[in-house]
Amino acid sequence: GCSDIQPVVVTINPQPTVLITNPSAVCAPLTVNITSAGITAGSSAGLTYSYYTDAAGTIFLSNPATIAASGTYYIRGTNTFGCSDIKPVIVTINPLPVATIAYTGSPYCTNGVAYVSLTGTGGGTFTSSPGLALNAVTGDINLAASTQGTYLVVYSFTNGTCSNSVFTPVTIKNPALVVNNPAGTCFPATIDLTDPAVTAGSQGGLSFNYYQDAAGTIPVLNPAAVGTAGTYYVKGIDLLTGCSSNIQPVVVTIFAKPSVTITASATNICKGSMVRLTASSPGNTINWPGLGSGNVVTATPMADTTYLAIATTSNGCMDTSAVSITVKPFVVTLTANPDPVLAGTNTTLTTSANFTYNVLSWSPAIFFTDQTAITQNIVVKDTSKSFTVIAQSTDGCLDTATLFVVVDPNLKDFFIPNAFSPNGDGTNDMFKVYGSSVRDVTLIVYNQWGEKIFESKNAQNGWDGTWKGRPQAVGVYVYVAQVTFYNNVSIKRKGTISLIR
């Protein structure tokens, strides 16, 4: 019945309480942080929290601060006594609405309308940077009202809970046209606007149209041969897309042709006379082919001649003017008979001309007592000489003729008689050419009626005064003798022979 009594201490630790306030729903791709103090506000103080994916609290949640998926998760609060409480927390992450937009024709030209292709959530709003004529409701683009460039079109939309936006680039670009003004040319030349140099630097693959107006409504009829100065217009068309460039001006410069006039101090002159030529083309340079440059030149034409004056402007444009000078063809000639001449014998110098004329002088003057005679009969002694005559036509033109008369001393015994008497007395019975230096003779004799009554090609033969076996009458006959000497000099003599009985 004995007993002992001892005290026993019973400790009952307090049970912690975890209170949960579910976090607000978010839209993806946002995440939820269930470690936020607001989630467990009102719970027992001093708790340490851990996070799980299961209600038993056996599977830890690896990312309680960045939960990206909707669902029920669990939070355990443990106090310092090791007592705990676990409660569920509901995380809601709403999906974003989905849509796509596309402008399938980009890049576009600055004409017409570009329509958007939209799939997914509709009812949104279209926006872009300035310069794009964009319909905010439909997404259509007025290309003609837009400025060329590349834009980002943004489509913003919502499903009532979450909002989203997508974007796509749009390019509006006309073909790049570069126009280079062609070099100026001189009238009446033309300029070829289709020359590749005019559009050098432009985008490749373009064809070109040419217009008279900036609106591009009046075509240039022949752009390869534009003959009128002014401003024209070029448009490039992309052969692949059909897009047109902006119309660009091109300046055609055609310089005026200079005007030049020419005068002459005389247009009908004598051979060897000087004529003064004057050209007028104010502000321009003057060139005379073959004569020099300057407004005034002189010329001494020896025959009919046409002279040109070429006027050149500072732009290199030229014009010509011509003047024709007629040269009076007065020509005097001088002949001698005989020539060659025997030393110490006579020769006759005869002048002739193609116009009526007068003789002004002879030289050397010692041979001529009559300085104005048309014909001179002179004796040449033993030296070959030059003789000169100066003549003047009735209209005042001068000409000079010079003749070198050959005196051959080897012909000193050459002789053609001027009479013979074929009477059989043995003296002067035959007409022939005499001379020891004579090698060959062709001798022809004509009667008063021009009939040839004798011909011989033998230097030893002569005419015996008969024709066809009959003695010819006393009278004067004409002869022609072609004489060749042993030194190969040939002379021709014409004269008369008197037949005496």
Protein backbone atom coordinates (compact mmCIF):
# COMPACT_ATOMS: atom_id res chain seq x y z
CA GLY A 1 0.00 0.00 0.00
CA CYS A 2 3.04 2.18 -0.07
CA SER A 3 3.13 4.90 -2.67
CA ASP A 4 5.12 7.73 -4.01
CA ILE A 5 3.88 10.60 -5.96
CA GLN A 6 5.86 12.62 -8.48
CA PRO A 7 4.90 15.59 -10.67
CA VAL A 8 4.60 15.20 -14.48
CA VAL A 9 4.63 18.19 -16.83
CA VAL A 10 2.43 18.00 -19.88
CA THR A 11 3.26 20.46 -22.75
CA ILE A 12 0.80 21.00 -25.52
CA ASN A 13 2.30 23.30 -28.15
CA PRO A 14 -0.04 25.62 -29.98
CA GLN A 15 -1.21 24.57 -33.46
CA PRO A 16 -0.27 27.22 -36.06
CA THR A 17 -2.89 28.53 -38.41
CA VAL A 18 -2.16 29.23 -42.08
CA LEU A 19 -4.56 31.60 -43.81
CA ILE A 20 -4.43 31.81 -47.62
CA THR A 21 -5.50 34.64 -49.90
CA ASN A 22 -5.45 33.38 -53.48
CA PRO A 23 -3.33 35.62 -55.76
CA SER A 24 -4.94 37.65 -58.49
CA ALA A 25 -5.17 36.04 -61.89
CA VAL A 26 -2.51 37.11 -64.40
CA CYS A 27 -2.10 36.81 -68.15
CA ALA A 28 0.61 34.75 -69.69
CA PRO A 29 3.49 35.07 -69.94
CA LEU A 30 3.38 36.70 -66.49
CA THR A 31 4.10 34.46 -63.46
CA VAL A 32 2.70 34.32 -59.91
CA ASN A 33 4.79 34.59 -56.74
CA ILE A 34 3.10 32.59 -53.96
CA THR A 35 5.93 33.48 -51.57
CA SER A 36 4.54 36.99 -51.45
CA ALA A 37 3.59 38.01 -47.89
CA GLY A 38 0.14 38.98 -49.06
CA ILE A 39 -0.67 35.37 -49.86
CA THR A 40 -0.30 34.27 -46.19
CA ALA A 41 -1.37 37.49 -44.55
CA GLY A 42 -3.29 36.76 -41.28
CA SER A 43 -1.49 33.47 -40.60
CA SER A 44 0.14 32.70 -37.25
CA ALA A 45 3.18 34.79 -36.65
CA GLY A 46 6.68 33.48 -36.96
CA LEU A 47 5.91 30.68 -39.36
CA THR A 48 8.33 29.28 -41.84
CA TYR A 49 6.72 28.45 -45.20
CA SER A 50 7.39 25.68 -47.65
CA TYR A 51 5.62 25.04 -50.96
CA TYR A 52 4.31 21.84 -52.52
CA THR A 53 2.48 20.56 -55.53
CA ASP A 54 0.53 17.97 -53.55
CA ALA A 55 -1.81 18.19 -50.55
CA ALA A 56 0.29 15.77 -48.51
CA GLY A 57 3.21 18.14 -48.74
CA THR A 58 5.59 15.57 -50.08
CA ILE A 59 6.52 17.12 -53.46
CA PHE A 60 8.34 20.39 -53.20
CA LEU A 61 7.51 23.20 -55.66
CA SER A 62 10.76 24.28 -57.30
CA ASN A 63 9.68 27.76 -58.40
CA PRO A 64 7.16 29.15 -55.91
CA ALA A 65 8.21 32.71 -56.76
CA THR A 66 7.68 32.32 -60.56
CA ILE A 67 4.78 29.98 -61.14
CA ALA A 68 3.87 30.00 -64.85
CA ALA A 69 1.03 27.46 -64.90
CA SER A 70 -2.46 27.64 -63.44
CA GLY A 71 -3.31 25.12 -60.72
CA THR A 72 -3.66 24.36 -57.00
CA TYR A 73 -0.49 24.50 -55.00
CA TYR A 74 0.09 24.07 -51.23
CA ILE A 75 1.72 26.17 -48.55
CA ARG A 76 2.84 24.72 -45.20
CA GLY A 77 3.48 27.01 -42.30
CA THR A 78 5.66 25.60 -39.45
CA ASN A 79 6.18 27.29 -36.09
CA THR A 80 9.19 27.07 -33.86
CA PHE A 81 7.71 24.09 -32.01
CA GLY A 82 7.60 22.09 -35.21
CA CYS A 83 3.88 22.26 -35.43
CA SER A 84 2.55 23.03 -38.90
CA ASP A 85 -0.52 23.73 -40.95
CA ILE A 86 -0.87 23.18 -44.74
CA LYS A 87 -3.36 24.99 -46.95
CA PRO A 88 -4.09 25.08 -50.68
CA VAL A 89 -3.50 28.18 -52.85
CA ILE A 90 -5.10 28.56 -56.27
CA VAL A 91 -2.99 30.14 -59.06
CA THR A 92 -4.77 31.40 -62.17
CA ILE A 93 -2.72 32.33 -65.33
CA ASN A 94 -4.96 33.19 -68.25
CA PRO A 95 -3.69 32.49 -71.80
CA LEU A 96 -3.10 35.42 -74.20
CA PRO A 97 -5.37 35.84 -77.19
CA VAL A 98 -3.71 34.86 -80.51
CA ALA A 99 -3.72 36.60 -83.89
CA THR A 100 -1.45 37.00 -86.94
CA ILE A 101 -1.32 39.77 -89.52
CA ALA A 102 0.42 39.94 -92.90
CA TYR A 103 0.68 42.29 -95.89
CA THR A 104 1.56 39.78 -98.56
CA GLY A 105 2.22 42.33 -101.32
CA SER A 106 5.03 44.17 -99.54
CA PRO A 107 6.97 45.98 -100.90
CA TYR A 108 4.20 48.09 -102.41
CA CYS A 109 4.10 50.91 -104.94
CA THR A 110 2.56 54.25 -104.02
CA ASN A 111 -0.74 53.49 -105.70
CA GLY A 112 -3.86 51.58 -104.70
CA VAL A 113 -4.65 49.97 -101.33
CA ALA A 114 -2.77 47.32 -99.36
CA TYR A 115 -5.11 44.93 -97.51
CA VAL A 116 -4.15 43.12 -94.33
CA SER A 117 -4.49 39.36 -93.91
CA LEU A 118 -5.74 38.72 -90.31
CA THR A 119 -6.17 35.38 -88.54
CA GLY A 120 -7.13 34.79 -84.89
CA THR A 121 -8.67 37.30 -82.53
CA GLY A 122 -10.36 40.14 -84.30
CA GLY A 123 -11.69 43.49 -83.20
CA GLY A 124 -8.28 44.92 -82.42
CA THR A 125 -6.64 48.19 -83.39
CA PHE A 126 -3.93 48.86 -86.01
CA THR A 127 -1.23 51.46 -85.43
CA SER A 128 2.05 52.49 -87.07
CA SER A 129 4.59 55.26 -87.09
CA PRO A 130 3.70 58.52 -88.94
CA GLY A 131 3.76 58.55 -92.74
CA LEU A 132 1.61 55.46 -93.26
CA ALA A 133 -2.02 56.11 -94.21
CA LEU A 134 -3.31 53.20 -92.07
CA ASN A 135 -6.96 52.49 -91.22
CA ALA A 136 -6.87 51.73 -87.49
CA VAL A 137 -9.98 49.54 -87.65
CA THR A 138 -9.51 47.56 -90.87
CA GLY A 139 -5.73 47.66 -91.17
CA ASP A 140 -5.97 48.70 -94.82
CA ILE A 141 -3.26 51.07 -96.11
CA ASN A 142 -3.90 53.88 -98.59
CA LEU A 143 -0.65 53.55 -100.56
CA ALA A 144 -1.10 56.69 -102.65
CA ALA A 145 -1.49 58.78 -99.49
CA SER A 146 1.48 57.18 -97.76
CA THR A 147 5.09 58.26 -97.76
CA GLN A 148 7.66 55.87 -99.15
CA GLY A 149 9.54 53.97 -96.47
CA THR A 150 9.47 50.89 -94.24
CA TYR A 151 6.95 50.84 -91.38
CA LEU A 152 6.05 48.51 -88.49
CA VAL A 153 2.31 47.89 -88.33
CA VAL A 154 1.18 46.86 -84.81
CA TYR A 155 -2.13 45.03 -84.22
CA SER A 156 -3.34 45.27 -80.60
CA PHE A 157 -6.25 43.05 -79.47
CA THR A 158 -7.92 41.49 -76.38
CA ASN A 159 -10.13 38.55 -75.47
CA GLY A 160 -11.73 40.49 -72.63
CA THR A 161 -9.32 39.15 -70.06
CA CYS A 162 -5.89 39.45 -71.59
CA SER A 163 -4.49 41.74 -74.27
CA ASN A 164 -1.85 40.99 -76.89
CA SER A 165 -0.21 42.58 -79.92
CA VAL A 166 1.57 41.40 -83.04
CA PHE A 167 3.43 43.35 -85.69
CA THR A 168 4.72 43.04 -89.23
CA PRO A 169 6.88 45.30 -91.42
CA VAL A 170 5.44 47.01 -94.50
CA THR A 171 7.59 48.64 -97.18
CA ILE A 172 6.33 51.22 -99.66
CA LYS A 173 8.95 51.87 -102.26
CA ASN A 174 8.69 53.10 -105.82
CA PRO A 175 11.50 52.14 -108.21
CA ALA A 176 14.59 54.31 -107.76
CA LEU A 177 14.92 56.59 -110.79
CA VAL A 178 18.02 58.75 -111.30
CA VAL A 179 17.96 61.29 -114.13
CA ASN A 180 21.09 62.97 -115.50
CA ASN A 181 20.66 65.97 -117.75
CA PRO A 182 22.27 65.25 -121.13
CA ALA A 183 25.01 67.50 -122.47
CA GLY A 184 23.77 70.32 -124.67
CA THR A 185 24.02 70.05 -128.43
CA CYS A 186 23.91 72.46 -131.33
CA PHE A 187 20.91 73.03 -133.56
CA PRO A 188 19.88 71.25 -135.78
CA ALA A 189 21.24 68.22 -133.92
CA THR A 190 18.87 66.39 -131.55
CA ILE A 191 19.22 64.79 -128.12
CA ASP A 192 18.48 61.13 -127.40
CA LEU A 193 16.63 60.90 -124.08
CA THR A 194 16.71 57.10 -124.37
CA ASP A 195 20.50 57.11 -124.07
CA PRO A 196 21.35 54.94 -121.01
CA ALA A 197 23.55 57.77 -119.71
CA VAL A 198 20.40 59.84 -119.03
CA THR A 199 19.12 57.26 -116.49
CA ALA A 200 22.47 55.94 -115.29
CA GLY A 201 22.35 55.12 -111.57
CA SER A 202 18.68 54.08 -111.63
CA GLN A 203 17.39 50.79 -110.28
CA GLY A 204 17.94 47.90 -112.66
CA GLY A 205 15.13 46.25 -114.59
CA LEU A 206 13.28 49.46 -115.43
CA SER A 207 11.66 50.51 -118.65
CA PHE A 208 11.22 54.22 -119.24
CA ASN A 209 8.46 56.49 -120.50
CA TYR A 210 9.04 60.08 -121.56
CA TYR A 211 6.58 62.96 -121.24
CA GLN A 212 6.20 66.62 -122.11
CA ASP A 213 4.39 67.44 -118.85
CA ALA A 214 5.07 66.81 -115.17
CA ALA A 215 1.77 64.94 -114.81
CA GLY A 216 2.93 62.36 -117.33
CA THR A 217 -0.10 62.72 -119.61
CA ILE A 218 1.50 63.96 -122.85
CA PRO A 219 4.10 61.55 -124.24
CA VAL A 220 7.20 62.68 -126.12
CA LEU A 221 6.60 61.45 -129.66
CA ASN A 222 10.23 60.72 -130.48
CA PRO A 223 12.33 60.65 -127.30
CA ALA A 224 15.34 59.35 -129.24
CA ALA A 225 15.52 62.58 -131.28
CA VAL A 226 14.34 65.58 -129.26
CA GLY A 227 14.98 68.74 -131.25
CA THR A 228 13.44 71.41 -129.01
CA ALA A 229 15.09 72.71 -125.85
CA GLY A 230 13.07 72.55 -122.64
CA THR A 231 12.17 70.44 -119.61
CA TYR A 232 10.85 66.95 -120.25
CA TYR A 233 9.90 64.20 -117.79
CA VAL A 234 10.92 60.57 -117.28
CA LYS A 235 9.09 57.77 -115.47
CA GLY A 236 10.62 54.38 -114.72
CA ILE A 237 8.49 51.22 -114.61
CA ASP A 238 9.68 48.09 -112.81
CA LEU A 239 9.15 45.27 -115.30
CA LEU A 240 8.90 42.71 -112.47
CA THR A 241 6.44 44.44 -110.14
CA GLY A 242 4.80 46.94 -112.48
CA CYS A 243 5.57 49.73 -110.02
CA SER A 244 6.26 53.19 -111.37
CA SER A 245 8.88 55.60 -110.12
CA ASN A 246 8.21 59.20 -109.30
CA ILE A 247 8.32 61.30 -112.47
CA GLN A 248 11.62 63.15 -112.71
CA PRO A 249 12.44 66.19 -114.88
CA VAL A 250 15.21 66.13 -117.47
CA VAL A 251 16.50 69.32 -119.09
CA VAL A 252 17.26 69.33 -122.81
CA THR A 253 19.64 72.05 -123.95
CA ILE A 254 19.95 72.82 -127.66
CA PHE A 255 22.19 75.76 -128.43
CA ALA A 256 21.23 78.15 -131.18
CA LYS A 257 23.10 77.98 -134.45
CA PRO A 258 25.20 81.10 -135.06
CA SER A 259 24.53 83.36 -138.01
CA VAL A 260 27.40 84.42 -140.24
CA THR A 261 27.46 86.64 -143.32
CA ILE A 262 30.34 87.10 -145.73
CA THR A 263 31.20 89.82 -148.24
CA ALA A 264 34.05 90.29 -150.71
CA SER A 265 35.66 93.47 -151.94
CA ALA A 266 35.12 92.09 -155.45
CA THR A 267 33.70 88.87 -156.83
CA ASN A 268 34.99 89.13 -160.41
CA ILE A 269 38.73 89.74 -160.49
CA CYS A 270 41.80 89.26 -162.63
CA LYS A 271 44.12 86.35 -162.01
CA GLY A 272 46.70 87.29 -159.40
CA SER A 273 44.63 90.14 -157.95
CA MET A 274 44.00 90.29 -154.20
CA VAL A 275 40.48 90.21 -152.79
CA ARG A 276 39.46 91.25 -149.27
CA LEU A 277 37.01 88.89 -147.54
CA THR A 278 34.95 90.05 -144.54
CA ALA A 279 32.77 87.86 -142.30
CA SER A 280 30.36 89.07 -139.64
CA SER A 281 29.07 86.98 -136.72
CA PRO A 282 28.94 89.11 -133.54
CA GLY A 283 30.39 87.45 -130.46
CA ASN A 284 31.70 84.43 -132.33
CA THR A 285 35.09 83.39 -133.66
CA ILE A 286 35.67 83.21 -137.42
CA ASN A 287 37.89 80.72 -139.24
CA TRP A 288 38.66 80.66 -142.95
CA PRO A 289 39.87 77.21 -144.10
CA GLY A 290 43.19 77.67 -145.83
CA LEU A 291 43.31 81.41 -145.13
CA GLY A 292 43.49 81.87 -141.35
CA SER A 293 41.20 83.33 -138.73
CA GLY A 294 39.60 86.65 -137.89
CA ASN A 295 36.82 88.69 -139.37
CA VAL A 296 38.91 89.95 -142.31
CA VAL A 297 41.35 88.01 -144.50
CA THR A 298 42.79 88.47 -147.98
CA ALA A 299 43.20 85.97 -150.80
CA THR A 300 44.83 85.90 -154.22
CA PRO A 301 42.98 83.24 -156.20
CA MET A 302 44.49 82.05 -159.47
CA ALA A 303 41.28 80.34 -160.57
CA ASP A 304 37.59 80.44 -159.71
CA THR A 305 37.42 79.74 -155.97
CA THR A 306 34.73 79.48 -153.30
CA TYR A 307 35.82 80.63 -149.83
CA LEU A 308 34.17 79.54 -146.58
CA ALA A 309 33.85 81.45 -143.32
CA ILE A 310 33.09 79.26 -140.27
CA ALA A 311 31.58 80.99 -137.23
CA THR A 312 31.93 79.17 -133.88
CA THR A 313 30.07 80.08 -130.68
CA SER A 314 31.40 79.67 -127.14
CA ASN A 315 29.33 76.47 -126.98
CA GLY A 316 31.10 75.06 -130.01
CA CYS A 317 28.16 75.52 -132.40
CA MET A 318 29.09 76.34 -135.98
CA ASP A 319 27.66 77.84 -139.12
CA THR A 320 29.23 78.55 -142.47
CA SER A 321 28.82 81.09 -145.21
CA ALA A 322 30.42 81.04 -148.62
CA VAL A 323 31.40 83.52 -151.29
CA SER A 324 32.50 82.60 -154.79
CA ILE A 325 35.21 84.59 -156.54
CA THR A 326 35.32 84.42 -160.32
CA VAL A 327 38.81 84.80 -161.78
CA LYS A 328 38.88 86.13 -165.32
CA PRO A 329 40.88 83.48 -167.20
CA PHE A 330 43.05 85.83 -169.25
CA VAL A 331 46.07 83.86 -170.51
CA VAL A 332 48.69 85.08 -172.97
CA THR A 333 50.96 82.60 -174.75
CA LEU A 334 54.21 83.12 -176.60
CA THR A 335 55.56 80.93 -179.41
CA ALA A 336 58.61 81.10 -181.66
CA ASN A 337 59.03 79.89 -185.23
CA PRO A 338 61.48 78.42 -185.79
CA ASP A 339 62.48 77.04 -182.42
CA PRO A 340 65.20 75.78 -182.12
CA VAL A 341 66.67 78.43 -184.34
CA LEU A 342 69.89 78.52 -186.29
CA ALA A 343 72.46 80.83 -184.81
CA GLY A 344 72.38 84.17 -186.56
CA THR A 345 69.01 83.55 -188.23
CA ASN A 346 65.57 85.02 -187.73
CA THR A 347 62.77 83.65 -185.59
CA THR A 348 59.30 85.08 -185.20
CA LEU A 349 57.85 85.53 -181.70
CA THR A 350 54.07 85.46 -181.77
CA THR A 351 51.66 86.26 -178.95
CA SER A 352 48.13 84.97 -178.60
CA ALA A 353 45.48 85.10 -175.87
CA ASN A 354 42.00 83.88 -175.05
CA PHE A 355 40.62 87.43 -174.83
CA THR A 356 41.15 90.65 -176.76
CA TYR A 357 44.38 92.15 -175.50
CA ASN A 358 47.19 94.62 -175.96
CA VAL A 359 50.90 94.05 -175.50
CA LEU A 360 52.45 96.32 -172.88
CA SER A 361 56.12 95.36 -173.07
CA TRP A 362 58.78 92.92 -174.26
CA SER A 363 62.03 91.94 -172.62
CA PRO A 364 64.96 91.93 -172.96
CA ALA A 365 64.14 95.36 -174.34
CA ILE A 366 67.32 95.44 -176.46
CA PHE A 367 65.75 92.97 -178.89
CA PHE A 368 62.51 94.91 -179.35
CA THR A 369 62.19 98.40 -180.75
CA ASP A 370 58.40 98.21 -180.74
CA GLN A 371 57.34 97.35 -177.21
CA THR A 372 53.65 96.99 -178.07
CA ALA A 373 53.84 94.80 -181.17
CA ILE A 374 51.87 91.58 -181.02
CA THR A 375 54.45 89.80 -183.23
CA GLN A 376 58.22 90.32 -183.22
CA ASN A 377 60.76 89.19 -185.81
CA ILE A 378 64.19 89.00 -184.23
CA VAL A 379 67.66 87.70 -185.01
CA VAL A 380 69.15 85.34 -182.45
CA LYS A 381 72.88 85.15 -182.75
CA ASP A 382 74.66 82.41 -180.87
CA THR A 383 73.11 82.03 -177.38
CA SER A 384 69.78 80.55 -176.31
CA LYS A 385 67.64 83.18 -174.61
CA SER A 386 64.42 83.74 -172.67
CA PHE A 387 61.96 86.28 -174.00
CA THR A 388 59.08 87.70 -171.98
CA VAL A 389 55.95 89.54 -173.01
CA ILE A 390 53.47 91.33 -170.74
CA ALA A 391 49.93 91.69 -172.07
CA GLN A 392 46.74 93.26 -170.78
CA SER A 393 43.19 92.26 -171.64
CA THR A 394 40.68 94.94 -172.55
CA ASP A 395 39.08 94.60 -169.08
CA GLY A 396 42.41 95.28 -167.37
CA CYS A 397 43.78 91.83 -166.53
CA LEU A 398 47.53 91.27 -166.87
CA ASP A 399 49.39 88.13 -167.82
CA THR A 400 52.99 87.33 -168.60
CA ALA A 401 54.42 84.71 -170.93
CA THR A 402 58.06 83.68 -171.14
CA LEU A 403 59.62 81.53 -173.85
CA PHE A 404 63.10 80.06 -173.93
CA VAL A 405 64.33 80.02 -177.53
CA VAL A 406 67.01 77.43 -178.19
CA VAL A 407 69.93 78.32 -180.46
CA ASP A 408 71.77 75.21 -181.67
CA PRO A 409 75.22 75.99 -183.08
CA ASN A 410 75.31 72.53 -184.66
CA LEU A 411 72.61 73.61 -187.10
CA LYS A 412 74.73 76.33 -188.67
CA ASP A 413 74.68 74.81 -192.18
CA PHE A 414 70.98 73.91 -192.08
CA PHE A 415 69.16 75.54 -194.99
CA ILE A 416 65.75 75.48 -196.68
CA PRO A 417 65.66 77.57 -199.89
CA ASN A 418 62.73 79.86 -200.65
CA ALA A 419 62.86 79.39 -204.43
CA PHE A 420 64.03 76.89 -207.07
CA SER A 421 64.02 76.62 -210.87
CA PRO A 422 63.41 73.08 -212.15
CA ASN A 423 64.42 73.87 -215.77
CA GLY A 424 67.05 71.19 -216.22
CA ASP A 425 70.04 73.54 -216.23
CA GLY A 426 71.62 71.69 -213.31
CA THR A 427 71.26 74.63 -210.91
CA ASN A 428 68.51 74.75 -208.28
CA ASP A 429 66.55 72.13 -210.14
CA MET A 430 65.22 70.51 -206.93
CA PHE A 431 63.57 71.78 -203.73
CA LYS A 432 64.94 70.00 -200.66
CA VAL A 433 66.39 70.49 -197.17
CA TYR A 434 70.16 70.99 -197.05
CA GLY A 435 72.66 70.54 -194.24
CA SER A 436 75.45 68.17 -193.22
CA SER A 437 73.89 67.83 -189.74
CA VAL A 438 70.53 66.70 -191.13
CA ARG A 439 69.77 63.02 -190.53
CA ASP A 440 66.10 62.62 -191.47
CA VAL A 441 63.60 64.78 -193.32
CA THR A 442 59.89 64.46 -193.96
CA LEU A 443 59.01 67.01 -196.64
CA ILE A 444 55.45 67.75 -197.87
CA VAL A 445 54.49 70.30 -200.55
CA TYR A 446 50.97 71.69 -201.15
CA ASN A 447 49.63 73.68 -204.11
CA GLN A 448 47.50 76.81 -203.90
CA TRP A 449 44.36 74.71 -203.42
CA GLY A 450 45.74 72.76 -200.49
CA GLU A 451 46.36 69.60 -202.47
CA LYS A 452 49.36 67.56 -201.39
CA ILE A 453 51.46 67.25 -204.51
CA PHE A 454 54.69 65.92 -203.02
CA GLU A 455 55.82 63.94 -199.97
CA SER A 456 59.18 62.39 -199.14
CA LYS A 457 60.67 60.81 -196.03
CA ASN A 458 64.19 60.61 -197.42
CA ALA A 459 66.60 63.42 -196.64
CA GLN A 460 68.27 62.95 -200.04
CA ASN A 461 65.08 63.36 -202.03
CA GLY A 462 63.48 66.62 -203.08
CA TRP A 463 60.65 67.97 -205.22
CA ASP A 464 61.41 68.36 -208.89
CA GLY A 465 58.46 70.69 -209.58
CA THR A 466 56.16 68.01 -211.04
CA TRP A 467 52.96 66.33 -209.92
CA LYS A 468 51.82 63.08 -211.40
CA GLY A 469 54.56 63.49 -214.02
CA ARG A 470 53.44 66.93 -215.11
CA PRO A 471 55.46 70.11 -214.55
CA GLN A 472 53.68 72.48 -212.21
CA ALA A 473 52.99 76.09 -212.96
CA VAL A 474 55.22 78.91 -211.85
CA GLY A 475 53.99 80.18 -208.51
CA VAL A 476 54.21 79.96 -204.75
CA TYR A 477 53.77 76.61 -202.99
CA VAL A 478 53.52 75.76 -199.29
CA TYR A 479 55.83 73.28 -197.60
CA VAL A 480 56.02 71.55 -194.24
CA ALA A 481 59.35 70.03 -193.21
CA GLN A 482 59.99 67.85 -190.16
CA VAL A 483 63.78 67.79 -189.74
CA THR A 484 65.79 65.60 -187.35
CA PHE A 485 69.49 66.25 -186.82
CA TYR A 486 72.25 63.89 -185.80
CA ASN A 487 72.14 65.29 -182.24
CA ASN A 488 68.50 64.06 -182.08
CA VAL A 489 67.10 67.60 -182.10
CA SER A 490 63.92 67.77 -184.16
CA ILE A 491 62.37 70.91 -185.63
CA LYS A 492 59.34 71.59 -187.74
CA ARG A 493 59.36 74.27 -190.42
CA LYS A 494 56.49 75.72 -192.39
CA GLY A 495 57.01 78.13 -195.24
CA THR A 496 56.61 78.91 -198.91
CA ILE A 497 58.71 78.00 -201.90
CA SER A 498 58.60 79.88 -205.20
CA LEU A 499 58.77 77.80 -208.37
CA ILE A 500 60.56 79.69 -211.14
CA ARG A 501 61.05 78.55 -214.75
